[in-house]
Amino acid sequence: MVEFQTHHLDSVFHALSDPTRRAMLHRLAGGDHSVSDLATPFNMSLAGASKHIRVLEGAGLVRRHVQGRTHMCQLEAARLADAQEWLRTYERFWTSRLDDLETLLREEERASPSTHEKTTKKLPKP
C-alpha cells in the first residue's frame, strides 16, 4: 500500500512539475476539452499535446474519452487529494516547528532582555 501511494505521489508531482501540464489542468478545471483545444494555446502538435495528456492520465489527473472522432479530456481532481494530504503533513510539521521556535525565542527574550538589547545595539548603523 505504501509503495503504491509513493508511486502515485511521484507520478502526480511529476505531472505537476511541467508548466504546460499545469496550464492544461487549469483549463480542464473549467470543463472538458478536446486534445486539440488543449494543444492550441501552446502552439504544439496534437502528438505533443497527447504526450502531456498521457502523463496526466498516468498520474490519474485526467481521463480521456472519445466522442465521435474527438478525444475529450476530463479533469479528475480527486486524485490530487493524496498529494494535498502529503503537503498538509509537512505544512503541519513545519508550522509546529516554527511555532516552537517562536515560543523559545520569546521565552529567551523575556528571560534576558538586557542581553537582547546589547546585541541589537551592537549592530552597525546603515
N, C-alpha and C. Protein backbone atom coordinates (compact mmCIF):
# COMPACT_ATOMS: atom_id res chain seq x y z
N MET A 1 0.83 -1.20 0.00
CA MET A 1 0.00 0.00 0.00
C MET A 1 0.87 1.26 0.00
N VAL A 2 1.87 1.29 0.88
CA VAL A 2 2.75 2.46 0.94
C VAL A 2 3.49 2.62 -0.38
N GLU A 3 3.95 1.50 -0.96
CA GLU A 3 4.67 1.56 -2.23
C GLU A 3 3.77 2.13 -3.32
N PHE A 4 2.50 1.68 -3.36
CA PHE A 4 1.56 2.20 -4.35
C PHE A 4 1.37 3.70 -4.13
N GLN A 5 1.19 4.10 -2.88
CA GLN A 5 0.95 5.50 -2.59
C GLN A 5 2.17 6.35 -2.97
N THR A 6 3.36 5.84 -2.69
CA THR A 6 4.57 6.56 -3.05
C THR A 6 4.67 6.71 -4.56
N HIS A 7 4.42 5.63 -5.28
CA HIS A 7 4.46 5.69 -6.75
C HIS A 7 3.42 6.69 -7.26
N HIS A 8 2.22 6.64 -6.68
CA HIS A 8 1.15 7.55 -7.09
C HIS A 8 1.56 9.00 -6.85
N LEU A 9 2.11 9.28 -5.67
CA LEU A 9 2.55 10.65 -5.37
C LEU A 9 3.64 11.09 -6.33
N ASP A 10 4.58 10.19 -6.62
CA ASP A 10 5.65 10.53 -7.56
C ASP A 10 5.08 10.90 -8.92
N SER A 11 4.10 10.13 -9.39
CA SER A 11 3.53 10.41 -10.71
C SER A 11 2.73 11.71 -10.71
N VAL A 12 2.04 11.99 -9.62
CA VAL A 12 1.28 13.25 -9.53
C VAL A 12 2.24 14.45 -9.53
N PHE A 13 3.27 14.39 -8.69
CA PHE A 13 4.20 15.51 -8.63
C PHE A 13 4.99 15.66 -9.93
N HIS A 14 5.30 14.54 -10.57
CA HIS A 14 5.97 14.62 -11.88
C HIS A 14 5.05 15.32 -12.89
N ALA A 15 3.78 14.94 -12.90
CA ALA A 15 2.82 15.56 -13.83
C ALA A 15 2.70 17.06 -13.56
N LEU A 16 2.69 17.43 -12.29
CA LEU A 16 2.54 18.84 -11.92
C LEU A 16 3.82 19.65 -12.11
N SER A 17 4.93 18.99 -12.34
CA SER A 17 6.21 19.70 -12.45
C SER A 17 6.36 20.48 -13.75
N ASP A 18 5.50 20.21 -14.72
CA ASP A 18 5.62 20.87 -16.02
C ASP A 18 4.58 21.98 -16.14
N PRO A 19 4.99 23.20 -16.51
CA PRO A 19 4.04 24.31 -16.60
C PRO A 19 2.96 24.11 -17.66
N THR A 20 3.28 23.41 -18.74
CA THR A 20 2.28 23.15 -19.78
C THR A 20 1.19 22.25 -19.23
N ARG A 21 1.58 21.21 -18.50
CA ARG A 21 0.58 20.30 -17.93
C ARG A 21 -0.25 21.00 -16.86
N ARG A 22 0.38 21.86 -16.07
CA ARG A 22 -0.39 22.60 -15.07
C ARG A 22 -1.41 23.51 -15.75
N ALA A 23 -1.02 24.14 -16.85
CA ALA A 23 -1.94 25.01 -17.59
C ALA A 23 -3.08 24.19 -18.19
N MET A 24 -2.77 22.99 -18.67
CA MET A 24 -3.83 22.11 -19.20
C MET A 24 -4.82 21.75 -18.09
N LEU A 25 -4.31 21.43 -16.91
CA LEU A 25 -5.19 21.11 -15.79
C LEU A 25 -6.06 22.32 -15.42
N HIS A 26 -5.46 23.49 -15.47
CA HIS A 26 -6.21 24.71 -15.17
C HIS A 26 -7.37 24.89 -16.15
N ARG A 27 -7.10 24.65 -17.42
CA ARG A 27 -8.17 24.76 -18.43
C ARG A 27 -9.24 23.70 -18.19
N LEU A 28 -8.81 22.50 -17.84
CA LEU A 28 -9.77 21.42 -17.62
C LEU A 28 -10.61 21.65 -16.36
N ALA A 29 -10.13 22.47 -15.46
CA ALA A 29 -10.92 22.79 -14.26
C ALA A 29 -12.20 23.52 -14.64
N GLY A 30 -12.20 24.15 -15.81
CA GLY A 30 -13.39 24.84 -16.29
C GLY A 30 -14.34 23.96 -17.07
N GLY A 31 -13.95 22.71 -17.30
CA GLY A 31 -14.80 21.78 -18.05
C GLY A 31 -13.98 20.95 -19.02
N ASP A 32 -14.63 19.99 -19.64
CA ASP A 32 -13.97 19.10 -20.58
C ASP A 32 -13.48 19.85 -21.81
N HIS A 33 -12.35 19.40 -22.35
CA HIS A 33 -11.78 19.97 -23.58
C HIS A 33 -11.25 18.86 -24.45
N SER A 34 -11.24 19.12 -25.74
CA SER A 34 -10.64 18.16 -26.67
C SER A 34 -9.12 18.31 -26.61
N VAL A 35 -8.42 17.29 -27.10
CA VAL A 35 -6.96 17.36 -27.16
C VAL A 35 -6.55 18.56 -28.01
N SER A 36 -7.27 18.79 -29.09
CA SER A 36 -6.98 19.93 -29.96
C SER A 36 -7.12 21.25 -29.21
N ASP A 37 -8.18 21.39 -28.42
CA ASP A 37 -8.38 22.60 -27.61
C ASP A 37 -7.22 22.81 -26.64
N LEU A 38 -6.77 21.72 -26.04
CA LEU A 38 -5.69 21.82 -25.06
C LEU A 38 -4.35 22.17 -25.72
N ALA A 39 -4.17 21.74 -26.97
CA ALA A 39 -2.91 21.99 -27.68
C ALA A 39 -2.81 23.42 -28.19
N THR A 40 -3.93 24.02 -28.56
CA THR A 40 -3.95 25.32 -29.23
C THR A 40 -3.18 26.43 -28.52
N PRO A 41 -3.40 26.69 -27.23
CA PRO A 41 -2.70 27.81 -26.60
C PRO A 41 -1.18 27.66 -26.56
N PHE A 42 -0.70 26.44 -26.74
CA PHE A 42 0.74 26.20 -26.62
C PHE A 42 1.42 26.08 -27.97
N ASN A 43 0.64 26.25 -29.04
CA ASN A 43 1.20 26.16 -30.38
C ASN A 43 1.95 24.84 -30.57
N MET A 44 1.35 23.75 -30.10
CA MET A 44 2.01 22.46 -30.20
C MET A 44 1.16 21.51 -31.03
N SER A 45 1.80 20.49 -31.53
CA SER A 45 1.10 19.49 -32.34
C SER A 45 0.18 18.66 -31.45
N LEU A 46 -0.74 17.96 -32.09
CA LEU A 46 -1.62 17.06 -31.34
C LEU A 46 -0.80 15.95 -30.68
N ALA A 47 0.26 15.51 -31.37
CA ALA A 47 1.12 14.47 -30.79
C ALA A 47 1.82 14.99 -29.53
N GLY A 48 2.28 16.22 -29.58
CA GLY A 48 2.92 16.82 -28.40
C GLY A 48 1.95 16.97 -27.24
N ALA A 49 0.74 17.42 -27.55
CA ALA A 49 -0.28 17.56 -26.51
C ALA A 49 -0.65 16.20 -25.95
N SER A 50 -0.74 15.19 -26.82
CA SER A 50 -1.08 13.84 -26.37
C SER A 50 -0.04 13.29 -25.41
N LYS A 51 1.23 13.61 -25.63
CA LYS A 51 2.28 13.15 -24.71
C LYS A 51 2.05 13.74 -23.31
N HIS A 52 1.74 15.02 -23.26
CA HIS A 52 1.46 15.65 -21.97
C HIS A 52 0.23 15.02 -21.33
N ILE A 53 -0.79 14.80 -22.13
CA ILE A 53 -2.03 14.24 -21.60
C ILE A 53 -1.81 12.82 -21.08
N ARG A 54 -0.96 12.05 -21.77
CA ARG A 54 -0.65 10.69 -21.28
C ARG A 54 0.01 10.73 -19.90
N VAL A 55 0.87 11.71 -19.68
CA VAL A 55 1.49 11.85 -18.36
C VAL A 55 0.42 12.17 -17.32
N LEU A 56 -0.49 13.07 -17.67
CA LEU A 56 -1.58 13.42 -16.75
C LEU A 56 -2.51 12.23 -16.51
N GLU A 57 -2.76 11.45 -17.55
CA GLU A 57 -3.57 10.23 -17.40
C GLU A 57 -2.86 9.22 -16.50
N GLY A 58 -1.56 9.06 -16.70
CA GLY A 58 -0.79 8.12 -15.90
C GLY A 58 -0.81 8.47 -14.42
N ALA A 59 -0.92 9.75 -14.13
CA ALA A 59 -0.99 10.21 -12.74
C ALA A 59 -2.42 10.15 -12.21
N GLY A 60 -3.37 9.83 -13.09
CA GLY A 60 -4.76 9.77 -12.68
C GLY A 60 -5.43 11.13 -12.57
N LEU A 61 -4.81 12.16 -13.13
CA LEU A 61 -5.35 13.51 -13.03
C LEU A 61 -6.31 13.85 -14.16
N VAL A 62 -6.25 13.08 -15.24
CA VAL A 62 -7.09 13.32 -16.41
C VAL A 62 -7.62 11.99 -16.91
N ARG A 63 -8.85 12.04 -17.37
CA ARG A 63 -9.46 10.87 -18.01
C ARG A 63 -9.83 11.28 -19.42
N ARG A 64 -9.48 10.43 -20.38
CA ARG A 64 -9.77 10.72 -21.79
C ARG A 64 -10.90 9.79 -22.24
N HIS A 65 -11.85 10.36 -22.98
CA HIS A 65 -12.91 9.56 -23.57
C HIS A 65 -13.16 10.06 -24.99
N VAL A 66 -13.74 9.22 -25.80
CA VAL A 66 -13.94 9.54 -27.22
C VAL A 66 -15.40 9.88 -27.45
N GLN A 67 -15.61 11.02 -28.11
CA GLN A 67 -16.95 11.43 -28.55
C GLN A 67 -16.89 11.53 -30.07
N GLY A 68 -17.43 10.54 -30.74
CA GLY A 68 -17.31 10.50 -32.19
C GLY A 68 -15.86 10.27 -32.56
N ARG A 69 -15.28 11.25 -33.25
CA ARG A 69 -13.85 11.15 -33.61
C ARG A 69 -12.97 12.04 -32.75
N THR A 70 -13.58 12.69 -31.78
CA THR A 70 -12.86 13.65 -30.94
C THR A 70 -12.49 13.03 -29.60
N HIS A 71 -11.23 13.18 -29.24
CA HIS A 71 -10.78 12.72 -27.92
C HIS A 71 -10.97 13.87 -26.93
N MET A 72 -11.82 13.62 -25.95
CA MET A 72 -12.12 14.63 -24.93
C MET A 72 -11.38 14.28 -23.64
N CYS A 73 -10.97 15.31 -22.93
CA CYS A 73 -10.27 15.12 -21.66
C CYS A 73 -11.09 15.73 -20.53
N GLN A 74 -11.05 15.04 -19.40
CA GLN A 74 -11.80 15.47 -18.23
C GLN A 74 -10.87 15.45 -17.02
N LEU A 75 -10.95 16.49 -16.21
CA LEU A 75 -10.14 16.58 -15.00
C LEU A 75 -10.64 15.60 -13.95
N GLU A 76 -9.72 14.91 -13.31
CA GLU A 76 -10.02 14.02 -12.19
C GLU A 76 -9.34 14.62 -10.95
N ALA A 77 -9.90 15.72 -10.47
CA ALA A 77 -9.27 16.50 -9.40
C ALA A 77 -9.16 15.72 -8.09
N ALA A 78 -10.01 14.74 -7.90
CA ALA A 78 -9.97 13.97 -6.65
C ALA A 78 -8.62 13.28 -6.47
N ARG A 79 -7.94 12.99 -7.57
CA ARG A 79 -6.64 12.32 -7.47
C ARG A 79 -5.57 13.23 -6.86
N LEU A 80 -5.84 14.50 -6.78
CA LEU A 80 -4.90 15.42 -6.15
C LEU A 80 -4.95 15.34 -4.62
N ALA A 81 -5.97 14.66 -4.09
CA ALA A 81 -6.16 14.61 -2.64
C ALA A 81 -4.97 14.00 -1.91
N ASP A 82 -4.39 12.93 -2.44
CA ASP A 82 -3.24 12.31 -1.78
C ASP A 82 -2.05 13.27 -1.73
N ALA A 83 -1.81 13.95 -2.84
CA ALA A 83 -0.70 14.92 -2.87
C ALA A 83 -0.98 16.07 -1.91
N GLN A 84 -2.22 16.51 -1.88
CA GLN A 84 -2.58 17.60 -0.99
C GLN A 84 -2.40 17.18 0.47
N GLU A 85 -2.78 15.95 0.81
CA GLU A 85 -2.61 15.47 2.18
C GLU A 85 -1.13 15.34 2.54
N TRP A 86 -0.33 14.88 1.59
CA TRP A 86 1.12 14.77 1.81
C TRP A 86 1.69 16.15 2.13
N LEU A 87 1.29 17.15 1.35
CA LEU A 87 1.76 18.52 1.58
C LEU A 87 1.28 19.05 2.93
N ARG A 88 0.03 18.74 3.29
CA ARG A 88 -0.51 19.19 4.58
C ARG A 88 0.30 18.63 5.75
N THR A 89 0.71 17.37 5.62
CA THR A 89 1.50 16.74 6.68
C THR A 89 2.76 17.56 6.95
N TYR A 90 3.45 17.94 5.90
CA TYR A 90 4.67 18.72 6.08
C TYR A 90 4.38 20.16 6.46
N GLU A 91 3.27 20.68 6.03
CA GLU A 91 2.88 22.03 6.45
C GLU A 91 2.63 22.04 7.96
N ARG A 92 1.90 21.03 8.46
CA ARG A 92 1.65 20.95 9.90
C ARG A 92 2.96 20.78 10.67
N PHE A 93 3.84 19.93 10.16
CA PHE A 93 5.13 19.70 10.82
C PHE A 93 5.91 21.00 10.94
N TRP A 94 6.09 21.70 9.81
CA TRP A 94 6.90 22.92 9.84
C TRP A 94 6.22 24.06 10.58
N THR A 95 4.91 24.13 10.51
CA THR A 95 4.20 25.15 11.27
C THR A 95 4.43 24.93 12.76
N SER A 96 4.34 23.68 13.18
CA SER A 96 4.57 23.34 14.58
C SER A 96 6.00 23.67 15.00
N ARG A 97 6.97 23.32 14.16
CA ARG A 97 8.37 23.59 14.48
C ARG A 97 8.64 25.09 14.57
N LEU A 98 8.07 25.85 13.65
CA LEU A 98 8.27 27.30 13.67
C LEU A 98 7.57 27.94 14.86
N ASP A 99 6.40 27.42 15.22
CA ASP A 99 5.72 27.92 16.42
C ASP A 99 6.56 27.65 17.67
N ASP A 100 7.14 26.44 17.74
CA ASP A 100 8.02 26.11 18.87
C ASP A 100 9.22 27.05 18.92
N LEU A 101 9.80 27.33 17.78
CA LEU A 101 10.95 28.23 17.72
C LEU A 101 10.56 29.63 18.18
N GLU A 102 9.40 30.10 17.72
CA GLU A 102 8.94 31.42 18.13
C GLU A 102 8.73 31.48 19.64
N THR A 103 8.14 30.44 20.20
CA THR A 103 7.93 30.38 21.64
C THR A 103 9.26 30.42 22.38
N LEU A 104 10.20 29.63 21.92
CA LEU A 104 11.52 29.58 22.54
C LEU A 104 12.21 30.95 22.49
N LEU A 105 12.14 31.60 21.35
CA LEU A 105 12.78 32.91 21.21
C LEU A 105 12.12 33.95 22.11
N ARG A 106 10.81 33.90 22.23
CA ARG A 106 10.12 34.85 23.11
C ARG A 106 10.48 34.61 24.57
N GLU A 107 10.55 33.32 24.95
CA GLU A 107 10.93 33.00 26.33
C GLU A 107 12.35 33.47 26.61
N GLU A 108 13.23 33.27 25.66
CA GLU A 108 14.62 33.70 25.83
C GLU A 108 14.70 35.22 25.94
N GLU A 109 13.92 35.90 25.14
CA GLU A 109 13.91 37.37 25.18
C GLU A 109 13.39 37.87 26.52
N ARG A 110 12.34 37.23 27.05
CA ARG A 110 11.79 37.64 28.35
C ARG A 110 12.78 37.34 29.48
N ALA A 111 13.51 36.26 29.36
CA ALA A 111 14.45 35.86 30.41
C ALA A 111 15.64 36.81 30.50
N SER A 112 16.06 37.34 29.39
CA SER A 112 17.24 38.22 29.41
C SER A 112 17.09 39.36 28.42
N PRO A 113 16.21 40.31 28.72
CA PRO A 113 16.02 41.43 27.79
C PRO A 113 17.26 42.29 27.64
N SER A 114 18.07 42.38 28.69
CA SER A 114 19.27 43.22 28.58
C SER A 114 20.25 42.64 27.57
N THR A 115 20.37 41.33 27.50
CA THR A 115 21.24 40.70 26.52
C THR A 115 20.74 40.99 25.11
N HIS A 116 19.43 40.91 24.94
CA HIS A 116 18.83 41.19 23.64
C HIS A 116 19.12 42.63 23.22
N GLU A 117 18.97 43.56 24.17
CA GLU A 117 19.21 44.96 23.86
C GLU A 117 20.67 45.20 23.50
N LYS A 118 21.58 44.54 24.24
CA LYS A 118 23.00 44.71 23.96
C LYS A 118 23.35 44.21 22.57
N THR A 119 22.81 43.08 22.18
CA THR A 119 23.15 42.54 20.86
C THR A 119 22.55 43.38 19.76
N THR A 120 21.36 43.92 19.96
CA THR A 120 20.78 44.74 18.91
C THR A 120 21.48 46.08 18.81
N LYS A 121 22.02 46.58 19.93
CA LYS A 121 22.74 47.85 19.89
C LYS A 121 24.09 47.70 19.21
N LYS A 122 24.64 46.50 19.18
CA LYS A 122 25.94 46.27 18.57
C LYS A 122 25.87 46.22 17.05
N LEU A 123 24.69 46.16 16.50
CA LEU A 123 24.57 46.10 15.05
C LEU A 123 25.03 47.41 14.44
N PRO A 124 25.76 47.33 13.34
CA PRO A 124 26.22 48.57 12.69
C PRO A 124 25.04 49.35 12.13
N LYS A 125 25.16 50.66 12.22
CA LYS A 125 24.10 51.51 11.69
C LYS A 125 24.32 51.72 10.20
N PRO A 126 23.23 51.72 9.44
CA PRO A 126 23.35 51.88 7.98
C PRO A 126 23.80 53.26 7.56
